[in-house]
């Protein structure tokens, strides 16, 4: 076959594939808006779909990963006991080293990561450090980007398999999605994700689910804005105090704390 035809055919398939992804996102955006009784224009639907499609690309956070690699060239982290990875709630955990003492920890949270981003950069943010345990928080951005809870958990299973293949017998501690004031509109999907992860953990002795949802609600079962910064999405020092307590309780399964 003519090489030019092969190239043109490949490009056509790529364009068609992208168009189909955009159409699926547009349908989901419209459905989410209807579910929340929110009006959204056709133009805004298309604009949002294009953004979500770009955000979901595997190499979206390549620049962040390059910074990690540059840091490692200067001072490679040795003898990491617990590696923390995932999205921005890990990245912004500035007191992590102090909170987890005497454990030697490494923070490899980045951007507003989806699980597919962590999977794509697995070697650069996880396996190269040969940790004794992994604490993982990710998934809420995936659901915000209109993946279903089941689709998001399927991506987590890929992460789980990567750990099992590359780091046999290394336990994974998954911090569940938190009840953020800013994302109350996807509570149903987030709770479904948490339950699915808890179900997986019940079947795998090397997988632990850390339930933070109830601990971050008031006695009346309401979300607590005082645990979050102004965006109502990321937690503040009070929020991290709750995380620290629950994560340390779970890490006692593996370490003397």
Protein backbone atom coordinates (compact mmCIF):
# COMPACT_ATOMS: atom_id res chain seq x y z
CA UNK A 1 0.00 0.00 0.00
CA UNK A 2 1.15 3.55 -0.74
CA UNK A 3 2.85 5.05 2.36
CA UNK A 4 1.01 8.33 1.87
CA UNK A 5 -2.32 6.49 2.02
CA UNK A 6 -1.26 4.71 5.22
CA UNK A 7 -0.35 8.02 6.88
CA UNK A 8 -3.58 9.69 5.75
CA UNK A 9 -5.60 6.72 6.96
CA UNK A 10 -3.92 6.81 10.36
CA UNK A 11 -4.57 10.53 10.71
CA UNK A 12 -8.21 10.04 9.74
CA UNK A 13 -8.66 7.34 12.37
CA UNK A 14 -7.06 9.59 14.97
CA UNK A 15 -9.34 12.50 14.12
CA UNK A 16 -12.42 10.28 14.13
CA UNK A 17 -11.41 8.78 17.46
CA UNK A 18 -10.95 12.21 19.01
CA UNK A 19 -14.27 13.38 17.58
CA UNK A 20 -16.01 10.39 19.14
CA UNK A 21 -14.40 11.14 22.52
CA UNK A 22 -15.57 14.74 22.29
CA UNK A 23 -19.11 13.64 21.46
CA UNK A 24 -19.19 11.35 24.49
CA UNK A 25 -17.97 14.18 26.71
CA UNK A 26 -20.54 16.57 25.29
CA UNK A 27 -23.32 14.12 26.12
CA UNK A 28 -22.02 13.67 29.65
CA UNK A 29 -21.67 17.43 30.20
CA UNK A 30 -25.24 17.96 29.07
CA UNK A 31 -26.50 15.12 31.27
CA UNK A 32 -24.60 16.47 34.31
CA UNK A 33 -26.04 19.94 33.74
CA UNK A 34 -29.57 18.54 33.50
CA UNK A 35 -29.04 16.47 36.64
CA UNK A 36 -28.04 19.62 38.53
CA UNK A 37 -30.76 21.78 36.95
CA UNK A 38 -28.10 23.97 35.37
CA UNK A 39 -28.45 25.68 32.02
CA UNK A 40 -25.46 25.45 29.68
CA UNK A 41 -25.15 26.71 26.13
CA UNK A 42 -24.09 24.57 23.20
CA UNK A 43 -20.94 26.69 22.88
CA UNK A 44 -20.04 26.14 26.54
CA UNK A 45 -20.68 22.41 26.22
CA UNK A 46 -18.23 22.21 23.32
CA UNK A 47 -15.67 24.40 25.08
CA UNK A 48 -15.87 22.32 28.26
CA UNK A 49 -15.62 19.08 26.29
CA UNK A 50 -12.45 20.26 24.56
CA UNK A 51 -10.90 21.21 27.92
CA UNK A 52 -11.81 17.90 29.56
CA UNK A 53 -10.49 15.97 26.57
CA UNK A 54 -7.15 17.81 26.79
CA UNK A 55 -7.00 17.39 30.59
CA UNK A 56 -7.42 13.64 30.21
CA UNK A 57 -4.43 13.20 27.89
CA UNK A 58 -1.83 10.91 29.44
CA UNK A 59 1.06 13.36 29.10
CA UNK A 60 -0.87 16.45 30.27
CA UNK A 61 1.44 16.87 33.28
CA UNK A 62 4.73 16.04 31.60
CA UNK A 63 6.31 19.32 32.77
CA UNK A 64 5.60 18.42 36.40
CA UNK A 65 7.20 15.02 35.90
CA UNK A 66 10.25 16.59 34.28
CA UNK A 67 10.72 18.69 37.43
CA UNK A 68 10.74 15.53 39.55
CA UNK A 69 13.34 14.00 37.26
CA UNK A 70 15.49 17.13 37.45
CA UNK A 71 15.30 17.04 41.26
CA UNK A 72 16.30 13.39 41.26
CA UNK A 73 19.39 14.15 39.21
CA UNK A 74 20.50 16.57 41.89
CA UNK A 75 19.56 14.49 44.92
CA UNK A 76 17.96 11.09 44.35
CA UNK A 77 15.75 9.98 47.28
CA UNK A 78 17.21 6.83 48.81
CA UNK A 79 15.58 4.26 51.09
CA UNK A 80 12.04 5.61 50.73
CA UNK A 81 9.75 3.88 53.21
CA UNK A 82 6.40 5.37 52.15
CA UNK A 83 5.75 7.02 48.81
CA UNK A 84 2.74 9.33 48.58
CA UNK A 85 1.38 9.86 45.08
CA UNK A 86 -1.72 11.14 43.33
CA UNK A 87 -3.28 14.53 42.75
CA UNK A 88 -3.04 18.00 44.27
CA UNK A 89 -4.20 17.08 47.78
CA UNK A 90 -1.01 15.03 48.02
CA UNK A 91 1.05 17.69 46.26
CA UNK A 92 -0.08 20.38 48.71
CA UNK A 93 0.66 18.25 51.79
CA UNK A 94 3.53 20.49 52.80
CA UNK A 95 3.76 19.11 56.33
CA UNK A 96 3.98 15.50 55.12
CA UNK A 97 7.51 14.75 56.33
CA UNK A 98 6.77 16.13 59.78
CA UNK A 99 3.36 14.46 59.98
CA UNK A 100 4.76 11.02 59.13
CA UNK A 101 7.89 11.02 61.31
CA UNK A 102 9.89 8.92 61.93
CA UNK A 103 9.06 7.36 58.55
CA UNK A 104 11.10 8.43 55.55
CA UNK A 105 8.48 9.59 53.06
CA UNK A 106 8.50 11.01 49.56
CA UNK A 107 5.81 13.23 48.05
CA UNK A 108 5.13 12.58 44.38
CA UNK A 109 1.72 14.17 44.03
CA UNK A 110 1.39 16.35 40.96
CA UNK A 111 -0.93 18.75 39.18
CA UNK A 112 -4.62 17.98 39.25
CA UNK A 113 -3.78 14.42 38.29
CA UNK A 114 -6.18 11.76 37.10
CA UNK A 115 -5.34 8.12 37.72
CA UNK A 116 -4.38 7.71 34.05
CA UNK A 117 -1.67 10.33 34.57
CA UNK A 118 -0.21 8.43 37.52
CA UNK A 119 -0.34 5.21 35.49
CA UNK A 120 1.36 6.81 32.49
CA UNK A 121 4.19 8.19 34.65
CA UNK A 122 4.33 5.18 36.97
CA UNK A 123 8.03 4.53 36.50
CA UNK A 124 8.98 8.15 37.12
CA UNK A 125 6.74 8.79 40.15
CA UNK A 126 6.52 5.38 41.81
CA UNK A 127 8.61 2.36 40.86
CA UNK A 128 12.01 4.04 40.52
CA UNK A 129 11.99 4.82 44.26
CA UNK A 130 11.37 1.22 45.33
CA UNK A 131 9.19 2.21 48.31
CA UNK A 132 8.18 -0.17 51.07
CA UNK A 133 4.59 1.12 50.94
CA UNK A 134 2.46 3.46 48.82
CA UNK A 135 -0.21 5.94 49.91
CA UNK A 136 -2.46 6.88 46.99
CA UNK A 137 -5.01 9.66 46.63
CA UNK A 138 -6.55 10.21 43.22
CA UNK A 139 -9.89 9.81 41.45
CA UNK A 140 -11.88 12.89 42.33
CA UNK A 141 -10.51 14.79 39.31
CA UNK A 142 -11.40 11.84 37.08
CA UNK A 143 -15.02 12.00 38.24
CA UNK A 144 -15.03 15.79 37.91
CA UNK A 145 -13.91 15.24 34.32
CA UNK A 146 -17.03 13.07 33.93
CA UNK A 147 -15.59 9.59 34.08
CA UNK A 148 -17.94 7.23 35.86
CA UNK A 149 -16.95 5.75 39.20
CA UNK A 150 -16.57 2.35 37.56
CA UNK A 151 -14.34 3.74 34.80
CA UNK A 152 -12.22 5.48 37.42
CA UNK A 153 -11.83 2.28 39.44
CA UNK A 154 -10.84 0.40 36.29
CA UNK A 155 -8.00 2.91 35.92
CA UNK A 156 -7.06 2.27 39.54
CA UNK A 157 -6.92 -1.47 38.85
CA UNK A 158 -4.28 -0.71 36.22
CA UNK A 159 -2.28 1.13 38.89
CA UNK A 160 -2.78 -1.78 41.27
CA UNK A 161 -1.52 -4.25 38.66
CA UNK A 162 1.51 -2.08 37.92
CA UNK A 163 2.43 -2.15 41.59
CA UNK A 164 1.95 -5.91 41.78
CA UNK A 165 4.13 -6.42 38.70
CA UNK A 166 6.91 -3.97 39.50
CA UNK A 167 6.83 -3.87 43.29
CA UNK A 168 5.67 -7.30 44.52
CA UNK A 169 4.38 -7.42 48.10
CA UNK A 170 4.36 -3.63 48.46
CA UNK A 171 1.10 -2.59 50.18
CA UNK A 172 -1.10 0.18 48.78
CA UNK A 173 -3.07 2.45 51.10
CA UNK A 174 -5.81 4.30 49.23
CA UNK A 175 -7.17 7.48 50.79
CA UNK A 176 -10.83 7.71 49.81
CA UNK A 177 -12.31 10.74 48.12
CA UNK A 178 -13.08 13.54 50.58
CA UNK A 179 -16.39 15.44 50.99
CA UNK A 180 -15.43 18.79 49.48
CA UNK A 181 -17.89 21.71 49.60
CA UNK A 182 -16.97 22.54 45.99
CA UNK A 183 -17.91 19.13 44.59
CA UNK A 184 -21.09 18.25 46.42
CA UNK A 185 -22.80 17.91 43.03
CA UNK A 186 -20.89 14.67 42.33
CA UNK A 187 -21.35 13.14 45.78
CA UNK A 188 -23.17 10.09 44.43
CA UNK A 189 -20.34 9.21 42.04
CA UNK A 190 -17.62 9.88 44.64
CA UNK A 191 -19.29 7.65 47.23
CA UNK A 192 -19.67 4.93 44.62
CA UNK A 193 -15.93 5.15 43.87
CA UNK A 194 -15.13 4.89 47.59
CA UNK A 195 -17.32 1.82 47.97
CA UNK A 196 -15.77 0.11 44.95
CA UNK A 197 -12.27 0.74 46.32
CA UNK A 198 -13.34 -0.57 49.73
CA UNK A 199 -14.70 -3.70 48.03
CA UNK A 200 -11.38 -4.23 46.25
CA UNK A 201 -9.51 -3.83 49.53
CA UNK A 202 -11.69 -6.47 51.16
CA UNK A 203 -10.41 -8.97 48.58
CA UNK A 204 -6.72 -7.99 48.63
CA UNK A 205 -4.61 -8.18 51.78
CA UNK A 206 -2.06 -5.80 50.25
CA UNK A 207 -4.68 -3.12 49.57
CA UNK A 208 -6.14 -0.92 52.33
CA UNK A 209 -8.93 1.62 52.02
CA UNK A 210 -8.61 4.66 54.29
CA UNK A 211 -12.11 6.07 54.81
CA UNK A 212 -11.85 9.81 55.44
CA UNK A 213 -15.39 10.76 54.38
CA UNK A 214 -17.21 10.44 57.70
CA UNK A 215 -14.28 11.87 59.65
CA UNK A 216 -14.53 15.08 57.61
CA UNK A 217 -18.26 15.60 58.23
CA UNK A 218 -19.88 17.41 61.15
CA UNK A 219 -21.92 15.59 63.80
CA UNK A 220 -24.95 16.49 61.71
CA UNK A 221 -23.44 14.85 58.63
CA UNK A 222 -22.70 18.15 56.90
CA UNK A 223 -19.54 19.16 55.04
CA UNK A 224 -17.20 21.39 57.03
CA UNK A 225 -15.92 24.44 55.11
CA UNK A 226 -13.44 25.18 57.93
CA UNK A 227 -11.39 22.13 56.86
CA UNK A 228 -10.78 23.65 53.43
CA UNK A 229 -9.03 26.61 51.86
CA UNK A 230 -11.02 29.27 50.03
CA UNK A 231 -11.60 27.16 46.91
CA UNK A 232 -13.64 24.66 48.94
CA UNK A 233 -11.65 21.91 47.26
CA UNK A 234 -8.23 21.62 48.87
CA UNK A 235 -7.83 21.01 52.59
CA UNK A 236 -6.05 23.24 55.07
CA UNK A 237 -3.93 22.34 58.12
CA UNK A 238 -7.03 21.21 60.05
CA UNK A 239 -7.97 18.91 57.20
CA UNK A 240 -4.49 17.44 57.04
CA UNK A 241 -4.62 16.76 60.79
CA UNK A 242 -7.52 14.39 60.11
CA UNK A 243 -5.68 12.77 57.21
CA UNK A 244 -2.52 12.39 59.29
CA UNK A 245 -4.33 10.60 62.10
CA UNK A 246 -6.10 8.13 59.79
CA UNK A 247 -3.11 7.47 57.53
CA UNK A 248 -0.79 6.83 60.50
CA UNK A 249 -3.35 4.45 62.01
CA UNK A 250 -3.33 2.45 58.79
CA UNK A 251 0.44 2.52 58.31
CA UNK A 252 0.78 0.81 61.69
CA UNK A 253 -0.11 -2.37 59.80
CA UNK A 254 3.33 -2.18 58.20
CA UNK A 255 5.52 0.05 60.35
CA UNK A 256 6.22 0.67 64.02
CA UNK A 257 4.65 4.04 64.80
